[in-house]
Amino acid sequence: MKLRYDDEADALYVRFADAQIAESEEVKPGLILDFDADGRLVALEILDASASLAAGADIRKLGSEAA
């Protein structure tokens, strides 16, 4: 699993597998799920992440990427 936080865009990206992304779906405003060809979840992206996560979640400590 890989995490990436873009401070400028305030976007958090979580990648669960290296599978090719076949389809993306915004399931609610600012929450995008990426699926492989078999419909399995590959990754998710949270836009406006600092405002979307629970109080106390400090995503800025993640740096550019964590494993």
PDB file of N, CA and C in Angstrom:
ATOM      1  N   MET A   1       0.856  -1.167   0.000  1.00  0.00           N
ATOM      2  CA  MET A   1       0.000   0.000   0.000  1.00  0.00           C
ATOM      3  C   MET A   1       0.904   1.234   0.000  1.00  0.00           C
ATOM      4  N   LYS A   2       0.531   2.221  -0.785  1.00  0.00           N
ATOM      5  CA  LYS A   2       1.282   3.465  -0.855  1.00  0.00           C
ATOM      6  C   LYS A   2       0.349   4.638  -0.592  1.00  0.00           C
ATOM      7  N   LEU A   3       0.846   5.579   0.176  1.00  0.00           N
ATOM      8  CA  LEU A   3       0.104   6.803   0.481  1.00  0.00           C
ATOM      9  C   LEU A   3       0.869   7.975  -0.089  1.00  0.00           C
ATOM     10  N   ARG A   4       0.136   8.917  -0.642  1.00  0.00           N
ATOM     11  CA  ARG A   4       0.767  10.133  -1.153  1.00  0.00           C
ATOM     12  C   ARG A   4      -0.163  11.303  -0.829  1.00  0.00           C
ATOM     13  N   TYR A   5       0.402  12.322  -0.237  1.00  0.00           N
ATOM     14  CA  TYR A   5      -0.371  13.528   0.056  1.00  0.00           C
ATOM     15  C   TYR A   5       0.253  14.689  -0.702  1.00  0.00           C
ATOM     16  N   ASP A   6      -0.566  15.401  -1.463  1.00  0.00           N
ATOM     17  CA  ASP A   6      -0.133  16.578  -2.200  1.00  0.00           C
ATOM     18  C   ASP A   6      -0.638  17.793  -1.432  1.00  0.00           C
ATOM     19  N   ASP A   7       0.297  18.480  -0.786  1.00  0.00           N
ATOM     20  CA  ASP A   7      -0.056  19.619   0.057  1.00  0.00           C
ATOM     21  C   ASP A   7      -0.670  20.761  -0.748  1.00  0.00           C
ATOM     22  N   GLU A   8      -0.147  21.016  -1.941  1.00  0.00           N
ATOM     23  CA  GLU A   8      -0.676  22.111  -2.768  1.00  0.00           C
ATOM     24  C   GLU A   8      -2.112  21.850  -3.203  1.00  0.00           C
ATOM     25  N   ALA A   9      -2.397  20.616  -3.598  1.00  0.00           N
ATOM     26  CA  ALA A   9      -3.746  20.257  -4.047  1.00  0.00           C
ATOM     27  C   ALA A   9      -4.643  19.836  -2.888  1.00  0.00           C
ATOM     28  N   ASP A  10      -4.050  19.611  -1.707  1.00  0.00           N
ATOM     29  CA  ASP A  10      -4.764  19.081  -0.543  1.00  0.00           C
ATOM     30  C   ASP A  10      -5.506  17.808  -0.921  1.00  0.00           C
ATOM     31  N   ALA A  11      -4.759  16.883  -1.550  1.00  0.00           N
ATOM     32  CA  ALA A  11      -5.336  15.619  -2.014  1.00  0.00           C
ATOM     33  C   ALA A  11      -4.546  14.453  -1.433  1.00  0.00           C
ATOM     34  N   LEU A  12      -5.248  13.462  -0.920  1.00  0.00           N
ATOM     35  CA  LEU A  12      -4.641  12.253  -0.384  1.00  0.00           C
ATOM     36  C   LEU A  12      -4.958  11.098  -1.332  1.00  0.00           C
ATOM     37  N   TYR A  13      -3.916  10.371  -1.745  1.00  0.00           N
ATOM     38  CA  TYR A  13      -4.074   9.251  -2.659  1.00  0.00           C
ATOM     39  C   TYR A  13      -3.578   7.993  -1.969  1.00  0.00           C
ATOM     40  N   VAL A  14      -4.402   6.963  -1.917  1.00  0.00           N
ATOM     41  CA  VAL A  14      -4.054   5.690  -1.296  1.00  0.00           C
ATOM     42  C   VAL A  14      -4.139   4.615  -2.371  1.00  0.00           C
ATOM     43  N   ARG A  15      -3.011   3.967  -2.635  1.00  0.00           N
ATOM     44  CA  ARG A  15      -2.941   2.923  -3.678  1.00  0.00           C
ATOM     45  C   ARG A  15      -2.789   1.576  -2.984  1.00  0.00           C
ATOM     46  N   PHE A  16      -3.714   0.652  -3.238  1.00  0.00           N
ATOM     47  CA  PHE A  16      -3.715  -0.654  -2.595  1.00  0.00           C
ATOM     48  C   PHE A  16      -2.985  -1.718  -3.397  1.00  0.00           C
ATOM     49  N   ALA A  17      -2.927  -1.557  -4.718  1.00  0.00           N
ATOM     50  CA  ALA A  17      -2.317  -2.565  -5.593  1.00  0.00           C
ATOM     51  C   ALA A  17      -1.763  -1.877  -6.831  1.00  0.00           C
ATOM     52  N   ASP A  18      -0.847  -2.559  -7.512  1.00  0.00           N
ATOM     53  CA  ASP A  18      -0.248  -2.019  -8.731  1.00  0.00           C
ATOM     54  C   ASP A  18      -1.055  -2.338  -9.989  1.00  0.00           C
ATOM     55  N   ALA A  19      -2.224  -2.893  -9.818  1.00  0.00           N
ATOM     56  CA  ALA A  19      -3.071  -3.255 -10.960  1.00  0.00           C
ATOM     57  C   ALA A  19      -3.429  -2.024 -11.789  1.00  0.00           C
ATOM     58  N   GLN A  20      -3.647  -2.245 -13.075  1.00  0.00           N
ATOM     59  CA  GLN A  20      -4.033  -1.166 -13.971  1.00  0.00           C
ATOM     60  C   GLN A  20      -5.448  -0.686 -13.639  1.00  0.00           C
ATOM     61  N   ILE A  21      -5.627   0.616 -13.639  1.00  0.00           N
ATOM     62  CA  ILE A  21      -6.937   1.196 -13.349  1.00  0.00           C
ATOM     63  C   ILE A  21      -7.767   1.214 -14.628  1.00  0.00           C
ATOM     64  N   ALA A  22      -8.941   0.586 -14.550  1.00  0.00           N
ATOM     65  CA  ALA A  22      -9.823   0.498 -15.709  1.00  0.00           C
ATOM     66  C   ALA A  22     -10.964   1.512 -15.636  1.00  0.00           C
ATOM     67  N   GLU A  23     -11.336   1.888 -14.421  1.00  0.00           N
ATOM     68  CA  GLU A  23     -12.483   2.783 -14.255  1.00  0.00           C
ATOM     69  C   GLU A  23     -12.344   3.547 -12.942  1.00  0.00           C
ATOM     70  N   SER A  24     -12.787   4.786 -12.939  1.00  0.00           N
ATOM     71  CA  SER A  24     -12.822   5.603 -11.728  1.00  0.00           C
ATOM     72  C   SER A  24     -14.246   6.086 -11.518  1.00  0.00           C
ATOM     73  N   GLU A  25     -14.624   6.208 -10.246  1.00  0.00           N
ATOM     74  CA  GLU A  25     -15.976   6.662  -9.934  1.00  0.00           C
ATOM     75  C   GLU A  25     -15.921   7.612  -8.742  1.00  0.00           C
ATOM     76  N   GLU A  26     -16.507   8.786  -8.892  1.00  0.00           N
ATOM     77  CA  GLU A  26     -16.622   9.710  -7.775  1.00  0.00           C
ATOM     78  C   GLU A  26     -17.891   9.326  -7.018  1.00  0.00           C
ATOM     79  N   VAL A  27     -17.721   8.658  -5.887  1.00  0.00           N
ATOM     80  CA  VAL A  27     -18.861   8.104  -5.151  1.00  0.00           C
ATOM     81  C   VAL A  27     -19.572   9.144  -4.300  1.00  0.00           C
ATOM     82  N   LYS A  28     -18.875  10.215  -3.971  1.00  0.00           N
ATOM     83  CA  LYS A  28     -19.456  11.389  -3.331  1.00  0.00           C
ATOM     84  C   LYS A  28     -18.500  12.526  -3.632  1.00  0.00           C
ATOM     85  N   PRO A  29     -18.921  13.758  -3.508  1.00  0.00           N
ATOM     86  CA  PRO A  29     -18.038  14.866  -3.873  1.00  0.00           C
ATOM     87  C   PRO A  29     -16.679  14.777  -3.170  1.00  0.00           C
ATOM     88  N   GLY A  30     -15.615  14.718  -3.968  1.00  0.00           N
ATOM     89  CA  GLY A  30     -14.262  14.683  -3.437  1.00  0.00           C
ATOM     90  C   GLY A  30     -13.731  13.316  -3.062  1.00  0.00           C
ATOM     91  N   LEU A  31     -14.504  12.245  -3.261  1.00  0.00           N
ATOM     92  CA  LEU A  31     -14.048  10.890  -2.967  1.00  0.00           C
ATOM     93  C   LEU A  31     -14.115  10.055  -4.241  1.00  0.00           C
ATOM     94  N   ILE A  32     -12.945   9.729  -4.771  1.00  0.00           N
ATOM     95  CA  ILE A  32     -12.853   9.024  -6.047  1.00  0.00           C
ATOM     96  C   ILE A  32     -12.256   7.647  -5.813  1.00  0.00           C
ATOM     97  N   LEU A  33     -12.943   6.620  -6.303  1.00  0.00           N
ATOM     98  CA  LEU A  33     -12.469   5.246  -6.209  1.00  0.00           C
ATOM     99  C   LEU A  33     -12.003   4.783  -7.582  1.00  0.00           C
ATOM    100  N   ASP A  34     -10.869   4.083  -7.616  1.00  0.00           N
ATOM    101  CA  ASP A  34     -10.322   3.530  -8.852  1.00  0.00           C
ATOM    102  C   ASP A  34     -10.434   2.009  -8.806  1.00  0.00           C
ATOM    103  N   PHE A  35     -10.918   1.417  -9.905  1.00  0.00           N
ATOM    104  CA  PHE A  35     -11.155  -0.016  -9.976  1.00  0.00           C
ATOM    105  C   PHE A  35     -10.365  -0.654 -11.110  1.00  0.00           C
ATOM    106  N   ASP A  36     -10.044  -1.950 -10.952  1.00  0.00           N
ATOM    107  CA  ASP A  36      -9.414  -2.687 -12.042  1.00  0.00           C
ATOM    108  C   ASP A  36     -10.495  -3.224 -12.982  1.00  0.00           C
ATOM    109  N   ALA A  37     -10.098  -3.968 -13.990  1.00  0.00           N
ATOM    110  CA  ALA A  37     -11.034  -4.482 -14.998  1.00  0.00           C
ATOM    111  C   ALA A  37     -12.069  -5.443 -14.408  1.00  0.00           C
ATOM    112  N   ASP A  38     -11.762  -6.052 -13.246  1.00  0.00           N
ATOM    113  CA  ASP A  38     -12.699  -6.973 -12.600  1.00  0.00           C
ATOM    114  C   ASP A  38     -13.560  -6.289 -11.550  1.00  0.00           C
ATOM    115  N   GLY A  39     -13.462  -4.964 -11.454  1.00  0.00           N
ATOM    116  CA  GLY A  39     -14.288  -4.215 -10.517  1.00  0.00           C
ATOM    117  C   GLY A  39     -13.749  -4.177  -9.101  1.00  0.00           C
ATOM    118  N   ARG A  40     -12.487  -4.593  -8.911  1.00  0.00           N
ATOM    119  CA  ARG A  40     -11.894  -4.575  -7.572  1.00  0.00           C
ATOM    120  C   ARG A  40     -11.223  -3.227  -7.310  1.00  0.00           C
ATOM    121  N   LEU A  41     -11.284  -2.798  -6.081  1.00  0.00           N
ATOM    122  CA  LEU A  41     -10.735  -1.502  -5.682  1.00  0.00           C
ATOM    123  C   LEU A  41      -9.211  -1.524  -5.754  1.00  0.00           C
ATOM    124  N   VAL A  42      -8.642  -0.578  -6.486  1.00  0.00           N
ATOM    125  CA  VAL A  42      -7.192  -0.447  -6.644  1.00  0.00           C
ATOM    126  C   VAL A  42      -6.674   0.731  -5.818  1.00  0.00           C
ATOM    127  N   ALA A  43      -7.419   1.834  -5.798  1.00  0.00           N
ATOM    128  CA  ALA A  43      -6.959   3.043  -5.124  1.00  0.00           C
ATOM    129  C   ALA A  43      -8.138   3.941  -4.793  1.00  0.00           C
ATOM    130  N   LEU A  44      -7.860   4.925  -3.927  1.00  0.00           N
ATOM    131  CA  LEU A  44      -8.853   5.952  -3.652  1.00  0.00           C
ATOM    132  C   LEU A  44      -8.148   7.290  -3.527  1.00  0.00           C
ATOM    133  N   GLU A  45      -8.874   8.339  -3.851  1.00  0.00           N
ATOM    134  CA  GLU A  45      -8.347   9.687  -3.738  1.00  0.00           C
ATOM    135  C   GLU A  45      -9.361  10.544  -2.988  1.00  0.00           C
ATOM    136  N   ILE A  46      -8.851  11.318  -2.042  1.00  0.00           N
ATOM    137  CA  ILE A  46      -9.693  12.227  -1.271  1.00  0.00           C
ATOM    138  C   ILE A  46      -9.247  13.645  -1.591  1.00  0.00           C
ATOM    139  N   LEU A  47     -10.127  14.401  -2.215  1.00  0.00           N
ATOM    140  CA  LEU A  47      -9.852  15.803  -2.523  1.00  0.00           C
ATOM    141  C   LEU A  47     -10.277  16.667  -1.347  1.00  0.00           C
ATOM    142  N   ASP A  48      -9.634  17.802  -1.165  1.00  0.00           N
ATOM    143  CA  ASP A  48      -9.891  18.668  -0.015  1.00  0.00           C
ATOM    144  C   ASP A  48      -9.739  17.855   1.267  1.00  0.00           C
ATOM    145  N   ALA A  49      -8.658  17.055   1.291  1.00  0.00           N
ATOM    146  CA  ALA A  49      -8.456  16.055   2.330  1.00  0.00           C
ATOM    147  C   ALA A  49      -8.404  16.632   3.737  1.00  0.00           C
ATOM    148  N   SER A  50      -7.747  17.758   3.938  1.00  0.00           N
ATOM    149  CA  SER A  50      -7.610  18.289   5.297  1.00  0.00           C
ATOM    150  C   SER A  50      -8.967  18.638   5.907  1.00  0.00           C
ATOM    151  N   ALA A  51      -9.940  18.992   5.094  1.00  0.00           N
ATOM    152  CA  ALA A  51     -11.276  19.308   5.593  1.00  0.00           C
ATOM    153  C   ALA A  51     -12.179  18.074   5.638  1.00  0.00           C
ATOM    154  N   SER A  52     -11.791  17.007   4.939  1.00  0.00           N
ATOM    155  CA  SER A  52     -12.646  15.830   4.827  1.00  0.00           C
ATOM    156  C   SER A  52     -12.383  14.764   5.882  1.00  0.00           C
ATOM    157  N   LEU A  53     -11.190  14.765   6.468  1.00  0.00           N
ATOM    158  CA  LEU A  53     -10.834  13.734   7.440  1.00  0.00           C
ATOM    159  C   LEU A  53     -11.219  14.158   8.853  1.00  0.00           C
ATOM    160  N   ALA A  54     -11.337  13.175   9.723  1.00  0.00           N
ATOM    161  CA  ALA A  54     -11.742  13.422  11.106  1.00  0.00           C
ATOM    162  C   ALA A  54     -10.743  14.328  11.821  1.00  0.00           C
ATOM    163  N   ALA A  55     -11.236  15.023  12.816  1.00  0.00           N
ATOM    164  CA  ALA A  55     -10.375  15.883  13.635  1.00  0.00           C
ATOM    165  C   ALA A  55      -9.231  15.046  14.204  1.00  0.00           C
ATOM    166  N   GLY A  56      -8.035  15.619  14.195  1.00  0.00           N
ATOM    167  CA  GLY A  56      -6.873  14.912  14.729  1.00  0.00           C
ATOM    168  C   GLY A  56      -6.082  14.147  13.693  1.00  0.00           C
ATOM    169  N   ALA A  57      -6.628  13.956  12.494  1.00  0.00           N
ATOM    170  CA  ALA A  57      -5.907  13.264  11.415  1.00  0.00           C
ATOM    171  C   ALA A  57      -4.927  14.268  10.808  1.00  0.00           C
ATOM    172  N   ASP A  58      -3.636  14.041  11.015  1.00  0.00           N
ATOM    173  CA  ASP A  58      -2.614  14.977  10.533  1.00  0.00           C
ATOM    174  C   ASP A  58      -1.929  14.387   9.305  1.00  0.00           C
ATOM    175  N   ILE A  59      -2.527  14.586   8.140  1.00  0.00           N
ATOM    176  CA  ILE A  59      -1.998  14.012   6.907  1.00  0.00           C
ATOM    177  C   ILE A  59      -0.748  14.710   6.425  1.00  0.00           C
ATOM    178  N   ARG A  60      -0.482  15.896   6.910  1.00  0.00           N
ATOM    179  CA  ARG A  60       0.716  16.631   6.490  1.00  0.00           C
ATOM    180  C   ARG A  60       1.991  15.929   6.961  1.00  0.00           C
ATOM    181  N   LYS A  61       1.899  15.073   7.967  1.00  0.00           N
ATOM    182  CA  LYS A  61       3.049  14.326   8.475  1.00  0.00           C
ATOM    183  C   LYS A  61       3.425  13.161   7.554  1.00  0.00           C
ATOM    184  N   LEU A  62       2.572  12.847   6.592  1.00  0.00           N
ATOM    185  CA  LEU A  62       2.839  11.725   5.708  1.00  0.00           C
ATOM    186  C   LEU A  62       4.028  11.979   4.788  1.00  0.00           C
ATOM    187  N   GLY A  63       4.317  13.226   4.505  1.00  0.00           N
ATOM    188  CA  GLY A  63       5.359  13.532   3.543  1.00  0.00           C
ATOM    189  C   GLY A  63       4.859  13.253   2.141  1.00  0.00           C
ATOM    190  N   SER A  64       5.761  13.035   1.209  1.00  0.00           N
ATOM    191  CA  SER A  64       5.364  12.830  -0.173  1.00  0.00           C
ATOM    192  C   SER A  64       4.888  11.414  -0.439  1.00  0.00           C
ATOM    193  N   GLU A  65       5.426  10.425   0.297  1.00  0.00           N
ATOM    194  CA  GLU A  65       4.981   9.047   0.082  1.00  0.00           C
ATOM    195  C   GLU A  65       5.392   8.179   1.273  1.00  0.00           C
ATOM    196  N   ALA A  66       4.514   7.257   1.661  1.00  0.00           N
ATOM    197  CA  ALA A  66       4.823   6.293   2.704  1.00  0.00           C
ATOM    198  C   ALA A  66       4.407   4.927   2.229  1.00  0.00           C
ATOM    199  N   ALA A  67       5.046   3.906   2.743  1.00  0.00           N
ATOM    200  CA  ALA A  67       4.686   2.532   2.345  1.00  0.00           C
ATOM    201  C   ALA A  67       4.040   1.823   3.492  1.00  0.00           C
TER     202      ALA A  67
END
